[in-house]
N, C-alpha and C. Protein backbone atom coordinates (compact mmCIF):
# COMPACT_ATOMS: atom_id res chain seq x y z
N MET A 1 97.63 86.42 81.16
CA MET A 1 96.92 85.27 81.25
C MET A 1 97.26 84.34 82.37
N LYS A 2 96.54 83.58 83.37
CA LYS A 2 96.88 83.01 84.29
C LYS A 2 97.33 81.62 84.08
N LYS A 3 98.67 81.16 83.97
CA LYS A 3 99.17 79.95 83.43
C LYS A 3 99.30 79.01 84.59
N HIS A 4 99.50 79.20 85.79
CA HIS A 4 99.67 78.56 87.04
C HIS A 4 98.85 78.88 88.19
N PRO A 5 98.35 78.04 89.08
CA PRO A 5 97.37 78.08 89.99
C PRO A 5 97.74 79.09 90.98
N ALA A 6 99.05 78.74 91.32
CA ALA A 6 99.49 79.32 92.71
C ALA A 6 100.66 80.20 92.64
N ILE A 7 100.84 81.26 93.35
CA ILE A 7 101.92 82.22 93.26
C ILE A 7 102.38 82.32 94.88
N ALA A 8 103.63 82.80 95.13
CA ALA A 8 104.14 83.21 96.39
C ALA A 8 105.08 84.42 96.16
N VAL A 9 105.11 85.26 97.16
CA VAL A 9 105.97 86.52 97.17
C VAL A 9 106.78 86.39 98.60
N VAL A 10 107.81 86.60 98.37
CA VAL A 10 108.75 86.62 99.78
C VAL A 10 109.55 87.88 99.56
N GLU A 11 109.58 88.80 100.60
CA GLU A 11 110.33 89.86 100.94
C GLU A 11 111.41 89.56 101.90
N PHE A 12 112.71 89.94 101.55
CA PHE A 12 113.82 89.44 102.38
C PHE A 12 114.21 91.11 102.91
N LYS A 13 114.67 91.06 104.15
CA LYS A 13 115.63 92.44 104.64
C LYS A 13 116.97 92.49 104.03
N ASP A 14 117.40 91.28 103.84
CA ASP A 14 118.98 91.20 103.76
C ASP A 14 118.89 90.67 102.10
N ILE A 15 119.91 91.28 101.24
CA ILE A 15 119.62 91.00 99.92
C ILE A 15 120.52 89.61 99.69
N ALA A 16 121.75 89.35 100.68
CA ALA A 16 122.44 88.16 100.64
C ALA A 16 121.64 87.14 100.90
N VAL A 17 120.98 87.16 101.99
CA VAL A 17 119.91 86.23 102.76
C VAL A 17 118.86 86.01 101.70
N GLY A 18 118.32 86.97 100.85
CA GLY A 18 117.33 86.56 99.88
C GLY A 18 117.89 85.87 98.87
N ILE A 19 119.01 85.99 98.32
CA ILE A 19 119.54 85.29 97.09
C ILE A 19 119.90 83.80 97.64
N VAL A 20 120.40 83.48 98.92
CA VAL A 20 120.67 82.16 99.37
C VAL A 20 119.26 81.50 99.60
N ALA A 21 118.21 82.20 100.17
CA ALA A 21 117.03 81.71 100.57
C ALA A 21 116.12 81.09 99.09
N THR A 22 116.42 82.09 98.11
CA THR A 22 115.93 81.83 96.72
C THR A 22 116.60 80.44 96.19
N ASP A 23 117.90 80.38 96.33
CA ASP A 23 118.42 79.28 95.91
C ASP A 23 118.01 78.15 96.45
N ALA A 24 117.84 78.14 97.71
CA ALA A 24 117.14 76.96 98.39
C ALA A 24 116.01 76.54 97.89
N MET A 25 115.04 77.30 97.72
CA MET A 25 113.49 77.22 97.11
C MET A 25 113.65 76.40 96.02
N LEU A 26 114.53 76.81 95.02
CA LEU A 26 114.62 76.24 93.89
C LEU A 26 115.29 74.85 93.75
N LYS A 27 116.25 74.72 94.72
CA LYS A 27 116.60 73.56 94.84
C LYS A 27 115.64 72.43 95.57
N LYS A 28 114.50 72.89 96.44
CA LYS A 28 113.67 72.18 97.14
C LYS A 28 112.58 71.70 96.35
N SER A 29 112.08 72.44 95.40
CA SER A 29 110.89 72.09 94.90
C SER A 29 110.78 72.44 93.37
N PRO A 30 110.11 71.80 92.48
CA PRO A 30 109.88 71.90 91.09
C PRO A 30 108.88 73.16 90.78
N ILE A 31 109.14 74.36 91.12
CA ILE A 31 108.36 75.48 90.80
C ILE A 31 108.49 75.70 89.33
N ALA A 32 107.31 76.46 88.74
CA ALA A 32 107.17 76.66 87.35
C ALA A 32 107.65 77.85 86.74
N PHE A 33 107.91 79.07 87.76
CA PHE A 33 108.33 80.25 87.30
C PHE A 33 108.89 80.89 88.41
N LEU A 34 110.10 81.76 88.03
CA LEU A 34 110.93 82.61 89.20
C LEU A 34 110.99 83.91 88.57
N LYS A 35 110.75 84.98 89.44
CA LYS A 35 111.28 86.30 89.29
C LYS A 35 111.82 86.81 90.48
N CYS A 36 113.08 87.55 90.68
CA CYS A 36 113.55 87.97 91.70
C CYS A 36 114.58 88.99 91.53
N GLY A 37 114.83 89.73 92.78
CA GLY A 37 115.88 90.70 92.33
C GLY A 37 115.72 91.82 93.44
N THR A 38 116.59 92.62 93.67
CA THR A 38 116.61 93.75 94.65
C THR A 38 115.41 94.66 94.31
N ILE A 39 114.89 95.43 95.57
CA ILE A 39 113.89 96.19 95.18
C ILE A 39 114.48 97.46 96.23
N SER A 40 113.64 98.49 96.20
CA SER A 40 114.20 99.62 97.00
C SER A 40 114.22 99.36 98.60
N ARG A 41 114.95 100.17 99.22
CA ARG A 41 115.37 100.22 100.81
C ARG A 41 116.06 98.97 101.14
N GLY A 42 116.94 98.43 100.19
CA GLY A 42 118.05 97.49 100.28
C GLY A 42 117.38 96.09 100.49
N ARG A 43 116.20 95.81 99.84
CA ARG A 43 115.39 94.29 100.04
C ARG A 43 115.90 93.63 98.90
N TYR A 44 115.22 92.21 99.11
CA TYR A 44 115.18 91.40 97.96
C TYR A 44 113.94 90.70 97.89
N LEU A 45 113.34 90.69 96.71
CA LEU A 45 112.19 90.15 96.49
C LEU A 45 112.24 89.08 95.73
N THR A 46 111.39 88.07 95.93
CA THR A 46 111.35 86.62 95.27
C THR A 46 109.95 86.25 94.88
N LEU A 47 109.34 86.23 93.50
CA LEU A 47 108.36 85.65 93.25
C LEU A 47 108.21 84.26 92.74
N ILE A 48 107.32 83.44 93.05
CA ILE A 48 107.65 82.16 92.38
C ILE A 48 105.82 81.83 92.09
N GLY A 49 105.91 80.64 91.01
CA GLY A 49 104.64 80.53 90.71
C GLY A 49 104.74 78.85 90.37
N GLY A 50 103.63 78.35 90.42
CA GLY A 50 103.38 76.74 89.70
C GLY A 50 102.23 76.07 90.45
N THR A 51 102.30 74.94 90.76
CA THR A 51 101.22 74.12 91.28
C THR A 51 101.21 74.59 92.74
N THR A 52 100.19 74.18 93.45
CA THR A 52 99.96 74.51 94.95
C THR A 52 100.92 73.94 95.75
N ALA A 53 101.06 72.67 95.51
CA ALA A 53 101.90 72.13 96.26
C ALA A 53 103.70 72.32 95.95
N SER A 54 103.67 72.67 94.89
CA SER A 54 105.23 72.79 94.59
C SER A 54 105.65 74.30 95.26
N VAL A 55 104.62 75.10 95.13
CA VAL A 55 104.89 76.51 95.62
C VAL A 55 104.88 76.48 97.07
N GLU A 56 103.91 75.93 97.72
CA GLU A 56 104.18 75.84 99.30
C GLU A 56 105.24 75.04 99.87
N GLU A 57 105.71 74.06 99.13
CA GLU A 57 107.04 73.32 99.60
C GLU A 57 108.05 74.55 99.30
N ALA A 58 108.24 75.20 98.36
CA ALA A 58 109.29 76.09 97.86
C ALA A 58 109.17 77.24 98.90
N ILE A 59 107.97 77.93 99.26
CA ILE A 59 108.16 79.15 100.01
C ILE A 59 108.44 78.58 101.56
N ASN A 60 108.08 77.19 101.94
CA ASN A 60 108.23 77.01 103.28
C ASN A 60 109.72 76.81 103.56
N GLU A 61 110.67 76.43 102.44
CA GLU A 61 111.93 76.39 102.33
C GLU A 61 112.69 77.86 102.47
N GLY A 62 111.85 78.74 101.60
CA GLY A 62 112.66 80.13 101.53
C GLY A 62 112.31 80.51 103.14
N LEU A 63 111.27 80.48 103.64
CA LEU A 63 111.22 80.92 105.16
C LEU A 63 111.81 80.37 106.15
N PHE A 64 112.44 79.35 105.99
CA PHE A 64 113.24 78.47 106.85
C PHE A 64 114.68 79.27 106.72
N TRP A 65 115.10 79.46 105.52
CA TRP A 65 116.55 79.97 105.13
C TRP A 65 116.45 81.37 105.34
N GLY A 66 115.18 81.95 105.37
CA GLY A 66 115.34 83.41 105.48
C GLY A 66 115.22 83.91 107.02
N GLY A 67 114.58 83.09 107.77
CA GLY A 67 114.41 83.30 109.19
C GLY A 67 113.97 84.75 109.46
N ALA A 68 114.77 85.39 110.31
CA ALA A 68 114.20 86.66 110.99
C ALA A 68 114.62 87.67 109.97
N ASN A 69 115.12 87.43 108.71
CA ASN A 69 115.34 88.41 107.52
C ASN A 69 114.03 88.33 106.55
N VAL A 70 113.19 87.56 106.67
CA VAL A 70 111.99 87.43 106.07
C VAL A 70 111.09 88.75 106.56
N LEU A 71 111.06 89.95 105.79
CA LEU A 71 110.06 90.80 106.13
C LEU A 71 108.66 90.47 106.12
N ASP A 72 108.19 90.13 105.15
CA ASP A 72 106.91 89.58 104.98
C ASP A 72 106.57 88.56 103.73
N HIS A 73 105.42 87.80 103.88
CA HIS A 73 105.16 86.87 102.55
C HIS A 73 103.96 86.65 102.62
N VAL A 74 103.67 86.14 101.16
CA VAL A 74 102.24 85.76 101.07
C VAL A 74 102.31 84.43 100.01
N LEU A 75 101.26 83.55 100.23
CA LEU A 75 101.01 82.51 99.35
C LEU A 75 99.65 82.34 98.96
N LEU A 76 99.42 82.48 97.64
CA LEU A 76 98.06 82.49 97.18
C LEU A 76 97.83 81.25 96.45
N ALA A 77 96.99 80.25 96.79
CA ALA A 77 96.86 78.93 96.35
C ALA A 77 96.17 78.91 94.91
N ASP A 78 95.25 79.80 94.81
CA ASP A 78 94.37 79.67 93.55
C ASP A 78 94.42 81.16 93.29
N VAL A 79 95.46 81.74 92.97
CA VAL A 79 95.43 83.23 92.56
C VAL A 79 94.55 83.57 91.31
N HIS A 80 93.86 85.01 92.03
CA HIS A 80 93.01 85.66 90.94
C HIS A 80 93.69 85.94 89.74
N PRO A 81 93.40 85.83 88.39
CA PRO A 81 93.99 85.96 87.04
C PRO A 81 94.40 87.38 86.91
N GLN A 82 93.71 88.25 87.55
CA GLN A 82 94.10 89.86 87.39
C GLN A 82 95.31 90.27 88.37
N VAL A 83 95.34 89.39 89.66
CA VAL A 83 96.50 89.60 90.45
C VAL A 83 97.98 88.96 89.94
N TYR A 84 97.61 87.58 88.96
CA TYR A 84 98.58 87.00 88.47
C TYR A 84 99.35 87.91 87.43
N ASP A 85 98.58 88.40 86.54
CA ASP A 85 98.94 89.19 85.54
C ASP A 85 99.59 90.74 86.21
N ALA A 86 98.94 91.25 87.07
CA ALA A 86 99.56 92.61 87.69
C ALA A 86 100.98 92.28 88.29
N ILE A 87 101.09 91.18 88.98
CA ILE A 87 102.36 91.24 89.83
C ILE A 87 103.62 90.64 88.60
N LEU A 88 103.00 90.27 87.48
CA LEU A 88 103.89 90.19 86.26
C LEU A 88 104.19 91.40 85.48
N GLY A 89 103.54 92.46 85.99
CA GLY A 89 103.79 93.75 85.16
C GLY A 89 102.63 94.23 84.23
N GLN A 90 101.66 93.51 84.30
CA GLN A 90 100.58 93.74 83.07
C GLN A 90 99.73 94.66 83.58
N ARG A 91 99.33 95.72 82.70
CA ARG A 91 98.31 96.75 83.28
C ARG A 91 96.95 96.53 82.75
N ARG A 92 95.82 97.01 83.43
CA ARG A 92 94.60 97.02 82.88
C ARG A 92 94.12 98.57 82.48
N PRO A 93 93.35 98.84 81.45
CA PRO A 93 92.94 100.11 80.96
C PRO A 93 91.84 100.40 81.89
N ILE A 94 91.94 101.91 82.09
CA ILE A 94 90.99 102.77 82.76
C ILE A 94 90.04 103.28 81.97
N GLY A 95 88.80 103.13 82.04
CA GLY A 95 87.47 103.70 81.60
C GLY A 95 86.83 104.51 82.26
N PRO A 96 85.50 104.92 81.82
CA PRO A 96 84.80 105.66 82.98
C PRO A 96 84.48 105.11 84.53
N GLY A 97 84.35 105.87 85.32
CA GLY A 97 84.36 105.11 86.89
C GLY A 97 85.18 105.69 87.84
N SER A 98 85.35 105.07 88.72
CA SER A 98 85.86 105.57 90.03
C SER A 98 87.10 104.98 90.09
N LEU A 99 88.15 105.46 90.75
CA LEU A 99 89.39 104.84 91.33
C LEU A 99 89.68 104.56 92.88
N ALA A 100 90.71 103.79 93.14
CA ALA A 100 91.06 103.54 94.61
C ALA A 100 92.54 103.25 94.55
N ILE A 101 93.15 103.79 95.40
CA ILE A 101 94.59 103.71 95.55
C ILE A 101 94.84 103.08 97.06
N ILE A 102 95.56 102.11 96.97
CA ILE A 102 95.77 101.17 98.33
C ILE A 102 97.26 101.30 98.39
N GLU A 103 97.97 101.83 99.52
CA GLU A 103 99.30 101.63 99.61
C GLU A 103 99.81 101.14 100.94
N THR A 104 100.62 100.24 101.02
CA THR A 104 101.06 99.32 102.19
C THR A 104 102.33 99.35 102.42
N ALA A 105 102.77 99.18 103.63
CA ALA A 105 104.33 99.17 104.11
C ALA A 105 105.08 97.95 103.34
N THR A 106 104.29 96.83 102.98
CA THR A 106 105.01 96.01 102.35
C THR A 106 104.45 95.62 101.09
N VAL A 107 105.03 94.70 100.17
CA VAL A 107 104.71 94.44 98.92
C VAL A 107 103.54 93.25 99.05
N SER A 108 103.98 92.44 99.96
CA SER A 108 103.14 90.97 100.10
C SER A 108 101.82 91.33 100.78
N SER A 109 101.55 92.12 101.69
CA SER A 109 100.41 92.49 102.30
C SER A 109 99.49 93.09 101.28
N ASN A 110 100.10 94.01 100.19
CA ASN A 110 99.25 94.47 99.09
C ASN A 110 98.84 93.57 98.24
N VAL A 111 99.52 92.53 97.76
CA VAL A 111 99.15 91.41 97.12
C VAL A 111 98.10 90.66 97.81
N ARG A 112 98.11 90.39 99.07
CA ARG A 112 97.08 89.64 99.66
C ARG A 112 95.67 90.48 99.75
N ALA A 113 95.68 91.91 99.86
CA ALA A 113 94.59 92.62 99.96
C ALA A 113 93.84 92.63 98.52
N ALA A 114 94.66 92.59 97.51
CA ALA A 114 94.50 92.79 96.04
C ALA A 114 93.67 91.56 95.72
N GLU A 115 94.03 90.35 96.36
CA GLU A 115 93.53 89.05 96.20
C GLU A 115 91.87 89.13 96.67
N LEU A 116 91.82 89.65 97.71
CA LEU A 116 90.69 89.45 98.53
C LEU A 116 89.45 90.54 98.04
N ALA A 117 90.11 91.76 97.62
CA ALA A 117 89.34 92.71 96.95
C ALA A 117 88.68 92.08 95.60
N LEU A 118 89.46 91.71 95.03
CA LEU A 118 89.17 90.98 93.62
C LEU A 118 88.28 89.86 93.59
N LYS A 119 88.30 89.08 94.62
CA LYS A 119 87.66 88.03 94.84
C LYS A 119 86.20 88.33 95.33
N GLY A 120 86.24 89.40 95.92
CA GLY A 120 84.88 89.84 96.79
C GLY A 120 84.18 91.00 96.03
N THR A 121 84.80 91.33 94.52
CA THR A 121 83.94 92.51 94.28
C THR A 121 84.44 92.69 92.61
N PRO A 122 83.41 93.20 91.73
CA PRO A 122 83.77 93.13 90.66
C PRO A 122 84.66 93.99 90.12
N VAL A 123 85.72 94.83 90.73
CA VAL A 123 86.48 95.75 90.28
C VAL A 123 87.50 95.28 89.31
N ASP A 124 88.27 96.27 88.72
CA ASP A 124 89.52 95.69 87.95
C ASP A 124 90.66 96.53 88.82
N LEU A 125 91.85 95.49 88.38
CA LEU A 125 93.01 95.95 88.94
C LEU A 125 93.73 96.61 88.14
N VAL A 126 94.02 97.92 88.02
CA VAL A 126 94.93 98.64 86.92
C VAL A 126 96.20 97.96 87.10
N GLU A 127 97.04 98.22 88.30
CA GLU A 127 98.36 97.85 88.38
C GLU A 127 98.51 97.35 89.95
N ILE A 128 99.63 96.80 90.07
CA ILE A 128 100.55 96.80 91.48
C ILE A 128 101.71 97.06 91.09
N ARG A 129 102.47 98.00 91.98
CA ARG A 129 103.77 98.02 91.91
C ARG A 129 104.43 97.63 93.33
N LEU A 130 105.56 96.89 93.20
CA LEU A 130 106.06 96.15 93.80
C LEU A 130 107.38 96.65 94.34
N ALA A 131 107.43 97.73 95.31
CA ALA A 131 108.38 98.45 95.72
C ALA A 131 109.65 98.63 94.73
N ASP A 132 109.02 99.10 93.57
CA ASP A 132 110.19 99.57 92.76
C ASP A 132 110.61 100.96 93.12
N THR A 133 111.49 101.53 92.30
CA THR A 133 112.21 102.79 92.21
C THR A 133 111.11 103.82 92.83
N GLY A 134 111.59 104.58 93.98
CA GLY A 134 110.92 105.60 94.50
C GLY A 134 109.82 105.39 95.55
N LEU A 135 109.51 103.93 95.81
CA LEU A 135 108.54 103.62 96.70
C LEU A 135 109.05 103.13 97.96
N SER A 136 110.24 103.49 98.37
CA SER A 136 110.68 103.21 99.61
C SER A 136 110.20 101.64 100.14
N GLY A 137 109.89 100.71 99.49
CA GLY A 137 109.81 99.41 99.83
C GLY A 137 108.38 99.29 99.88
N LYS A 138 107.47 100.14 99.54
CA LYS A 138 106.02 100.10 99.69
C LYS A 138 105.39 99.14 98.33
N GLY A 139 103.94 98.73 98.76
CA GLY A 139 103.47 98.23 97.80
C GLY A 139 102.20 99.29 97.26
N VAL A 140 101.87 99.37 96.11
CA VAL A 140 100.82 100.60 95.67
C VAL A 140 99.92 99.38 94.45
N SER A 141 98.64 99.40 94.87
CA SER A 141 97.72 98.76 93.91
C SER A 141 96.56 99.98 93.56
N ILE A 142 96.22 99.98 92.48
CA ILE A 142 95.41 101.10 91.98
C ILE A 142 94.12 100.10 91.38
N TYR A 143 92.78 100.55 91.60
CA TYR A 143 91.62 99.95 91.28
C TYR A 143 90.75 100.72 90.49
N HIS A 144 89.94 100.12 89.51
CA HIS A 144 89.05 100.87 88.74
C HIS A 144 87.74 100.33 88.61
N GLY A 145 86.62 101.07 88.74
CA GLY A 145 85.12 100.33 88.71
C GLY A 145 84.33 101.32 89.12
N GLU A 146 83.02 100.57 89.24
CA GLU A 146 81.93 101.40 89.85
C GLU A 146 82.07 101.97 91.17
N LEU A 147 81.56 103.19 91.54
CA LEU A 147 81.79 103.68 93.01
C LEU A 147 81.50 102.77 93.85
N HIS A 148 80.29 102.10 93.77
CA HIS A 148 79.68 101.16 95.11
C HIS A 148 80.70 99.94 95.13
N ASP A 149 81.17 99.83 93.89
CA ASP A 149 82.28 98.42 93.68
C ASP A 149 83.42 98.83 94.62
N ILE A 150 84.03 99.88 94.29
CA ILE A 150 85.25 100.51 94.58
C ILE A 150 85.14 100.54 95.92
N GLU A 151 84.22 101.06 96.67
CA GLU A 151 84.02 101.39 98.16
C GLU A 151 83.88 99.84 98.75
N ALA A 152 83.33 99.09 98.07
CA ALA A 152 83.22 97.64 98.83
C ALA A 152 84.45 96.79 98.66
N ALA A 153 85.20 97.17 97.56
CA ALA A 153 86.65 96.69 97.34
C ALA A 153 87.50 97.11 98.67
N VAL A 154 87.32 98.70 98.74
CA VAL A 154 88.28 98.85 99.68
C VAL A 154 88.00 98.58 101.12
N ASP A 155 86.93 98.58 101.65
CA ASP A 155 86.41 97.94 102.63
C ASP A 155 87.05 96.71 103.16
N ILE A 156 87.00 95.74 101.89
CA ILE A 156 87.33 94.31 102.19
C ILE A 156 89.21 94.42 102.17
N ALA A 157 89.66 95.12 101.53
CA ALA A 157 91.08 95.11 101.49
C ALA A 157 91.74 95.85 102.69
N VAL A 158 91.06 97.21 102.92
CA VAL A 158 91.74 97.85 104.11
C VAL A 158 91.18 97.01 105.45
N GLY A 159 90.03 96.59 105.56
CA GLY A 159 89.54 95.73 106.69
C GLY A 159 90.47 94.69 107.02
N PHE A 160 91.12 93.93 105.98
CA PHE A 160 91.99 92.83 106.12
C PHE A 160 93.35 93.49 106.65
N LEU A 161 93.74 94.55 106.13
CA LEU A 161 94.96 95.18 106.40
C LEU A 161 95.15 95.74 107.67
N GLU A 162 94.23 96.41 108.20
CA GLU A 162 93.82 96.79 109.47
C GLU A 162 93.98 95.71 110.60
N ARG A 163 93.07 94.37 110.40
CA ARG A 163 93.06 93.47 111.35
C ARG A 163 94.39 92.90 111.40
N THR A 164 95.18 92.66 110.30
CA THR A 164 96.47 92.23 110.45
C THR A 164 97.32 92.90 110.87
N GLY A 165 97.28 94.23 111.08
CA GLY A 165 98.25 95.36 111.96
C GLY A 165 99.31 96.05 110.92
N VAL A 166 98.79 95.80 109.55
CA VAL A 166 99.83 96.49 108.43
C VAL A 166 99.33 97.95 108.34
N GLU A 167 100.59 98.53 108.21
CA GLU A 167 100.39 100.17 107.94
C GLU A 167 99.74 100.11 106.56
N VAL A 168 98.67 101.01 106.41
CA VAL A 168 98.08 101.24 105.32
C VAL A 168 97.44 102.39 104.92
N GLY A 169 97.42 102.98 103.77
CA GLY A 169 96.85 104.28 103.26
C GLY A 169 96.08 104.05 102.18
N PHE A 170 94.92 104.72 102.13
CA PHE A 170 94.12 104.63 101.01
C PHE A 170 93.27 105.78 100.73
N LYS A 171 92.78 105.95 99.40
CA LYS A 171 92.12 107.22 99.02
C LYS A 171 91.11 106.71 97.94
N ILE A 172 89.93 107.21 97.73
CA ILE A 172 88.79 106.79 96.57
C ILE A 172 88.73 108.42 95.90
N ILE A 173 88.48 108.27 94.65
CA ILE A 173 88.33 109.23 93.67
C ILE A 173 87.19 108.91 92.85
N SER A 174 85.96 109.33 93.25
CA SER A 174 84.73 109.11 92.76
C SER A 174 84.65 109.20 91.22
N ALA A 175 85.25 110.51 90.82
CA ALA A 175 85.08 110.95 89.50
C ALA A 175 86.23 111.36 88.98
N PRO A 176 87.25 110.91 88.88
CA PRO A 176 88.59 111.54 88.47
C PRO A 176 88.53 112.15 87.17
N HIS A 177 89.27 113.33 87.20
CA HIS A 177 89.51 114.16 86.00
C HIS A 177 89.97 113.36 84.99
N ASP A 178 89.62 113.56 83.58
CA ASP A 178 90.03 112.96 82.46
C ASP A 178 91.63 112.75 82.32
N ALA A 179 92.32 113.98 82.55
CA ALA A 179 93.50 113.85 82.43
C ALA A 179 94.32 113.20 83.42
N LEU A 180 93.71 113.14 84.84
CA LEU A 180 94.51 112.29 85.57
C LEU A 180 94.29 110.75 85.24
N SER A 181 93.00 110.43 84.82
CA SER A 181 92.87 109.11 84.20
C SER A 181 93.77 108.55 83.20
N LYS A 182 94.30 109.56 82.14
CA LYS A 182 94.93 109.33 81.28
C LYS A 182 96.41 108.97 81.77
N GLN A 183 96.78 109.91 82.69
CA GLN A 183 98.58 110.02 83.51
C GLN A 183 98.35 108.49 83.95
N VAL A 184 97.47 108.20 84.83
CA VAL A 184 97.19 106.72 85.44
C VAL A 184 97.34 105.65 84.57
N ASP A 185 96.44 105.84 83.51
CA ASP A 185 96.42 104.65 82.66
C ASP A 185 97.91 104.62 81.83
N ALA A 186 98.58 105.47 81.75
CA ALA A 186 99.98 105.64 80.96
C ALA A 186 100.90 104.82 82.00
N SER A 187 100.89 105.50 82.94
CA SER A 187 101.81 105.17 84.18
C SER A 187 101.70 106.05 85.36
N THR A 188 102.07 105.23 86.75
CA THR A 188 102.00 105.92 87.84
C THR A 188 103.58 106.29 88.28
N TYR A 189 104.52 105.81 87.26
CA TYR A 189 106.03 106.09 87.65
C TYR A 189 106.24 107.75 86.93
N PHE A 190 106.85 108.57 87.61
CA PHE A 190 107.02 109.71 87.24
C PHE A 190 107.99 109.81 85.90
N GLY A 191 109.11 108.98 86.00
CA GLY A 191 109.97 108.85 84.91
C GLY A 191 109.36 108.51 83.62
N SER A 192 108.12 107.58 83.66
CA SER A 192 107.54 106.83 82.40
C SER A 192 106.32 107.74 82.07
N SER A 193 105.98 108.68 82.91
CA SER A 193 104.52 109.56 82.63
C SER A 193 104.82 110.34 81.43
N PRO A 194 103.78 110.51 80.27
CA PRO A 194 103.79 111.55 79.43
C PRO A 194 103.46 112.83 79.80
N VAL A 195 103.81 113.92 79.12
CA VAL A 195 103.60 115.04 79.38
C VAL A 195 101.98 115.16 78.57
N LEU A 196 101.05 115.57 79.25
CA LEU A 196 99.72 116.09 78.58
C LEU A 196 99.31 117.63 78.40
N GLU A 197 99.22 117.82 77.19
CA GLU A 197 98.90 119.44 76.98
C GLU A 197 97.45 119.61 77.48
N LEU A 198 97.17 120.63 78.31
CA LEU A 198 96.03 120.79 78.67
C LEU A 198 95.30 122.20 78.08
N ASP A 199 94.03 122.50 78.44
CA ASP A 199 93.47 123.81 77.99
C ASP A 199 93.65 124.72 78.82
N GLY A 200 94.41 124.78 79.70
CA GLY A 200 94.53 125.88 80.77
C GLY A 200 95.17 127.18 80.06
N GLU A 201 95.26 128.20 80.88
CA GLU A 201 96.12 129.35 80.78
C GLU A 201 97.55 129.15 80.30
N THR A 202 97.89 130.16 79.16
CA THR A 202 99.29 129.77 79.04
C THR A 202 100.25 131.15 79.00
N GLU A 203 99.56 132.28 79.06
CA GLU A 203 100.09 133.57 78.74
C GLU A 203 99.29 134.45 80.25
N GLU A 204 100.18 135.17 80.57
CA GLU A 204 99.74 136.18 81.58
C GLU A 204 98.90 137.40 80.81
N GLU A 205 97.86 137.88 81.08
CA GLU A 205 97.23 139.02 80.79
C GLU A 205 97.67 140.27 81.05
N GLY A 206 97.75 141.60 80.30
CA GLY A 206 97.86 142.64 80.89
C GLY A 206 98.66 143.40 80.09
């Protein structure tokens, strides 16, 4: 549930710089929440939320202290509720329909693309992964909905990313296998993914 109108994400190339910049952000502005820490590829990720004015003031301070060590950033002044939930780790269930997967070189660009896709189409955001273990600093988002809506969402998101020069990969699955939907619904991280017993062959004949 969206508790605050605005969020911002800042990715730092250097961990020490990220910690110092985050400290400066906290001292500069009365933000409402903070989540920060190391991510893959030796980077540091800071997520803040609160009023639009406080978040804008804080991120400007973070960008000042981060300088050339800021890899990417995004400020969403009126964040979509599903984006808000997803970046805080909440997932949405998958039902019948199509899937889209969008993969970007940075977290911030993926968050911004998700915001545009959700505000432009009635798709659901299943999850956003923020450069966690095994992603090599990438952002990954998964969408669910009717095929025509999924195609429109991808057009919006990928169009934005390509215009801004962000490295992006995407795929659409119009009718995913039920087993795949169950796996994605449970987790896209291999270490947390359950084993599904299927009805395939189990013994060699002869």
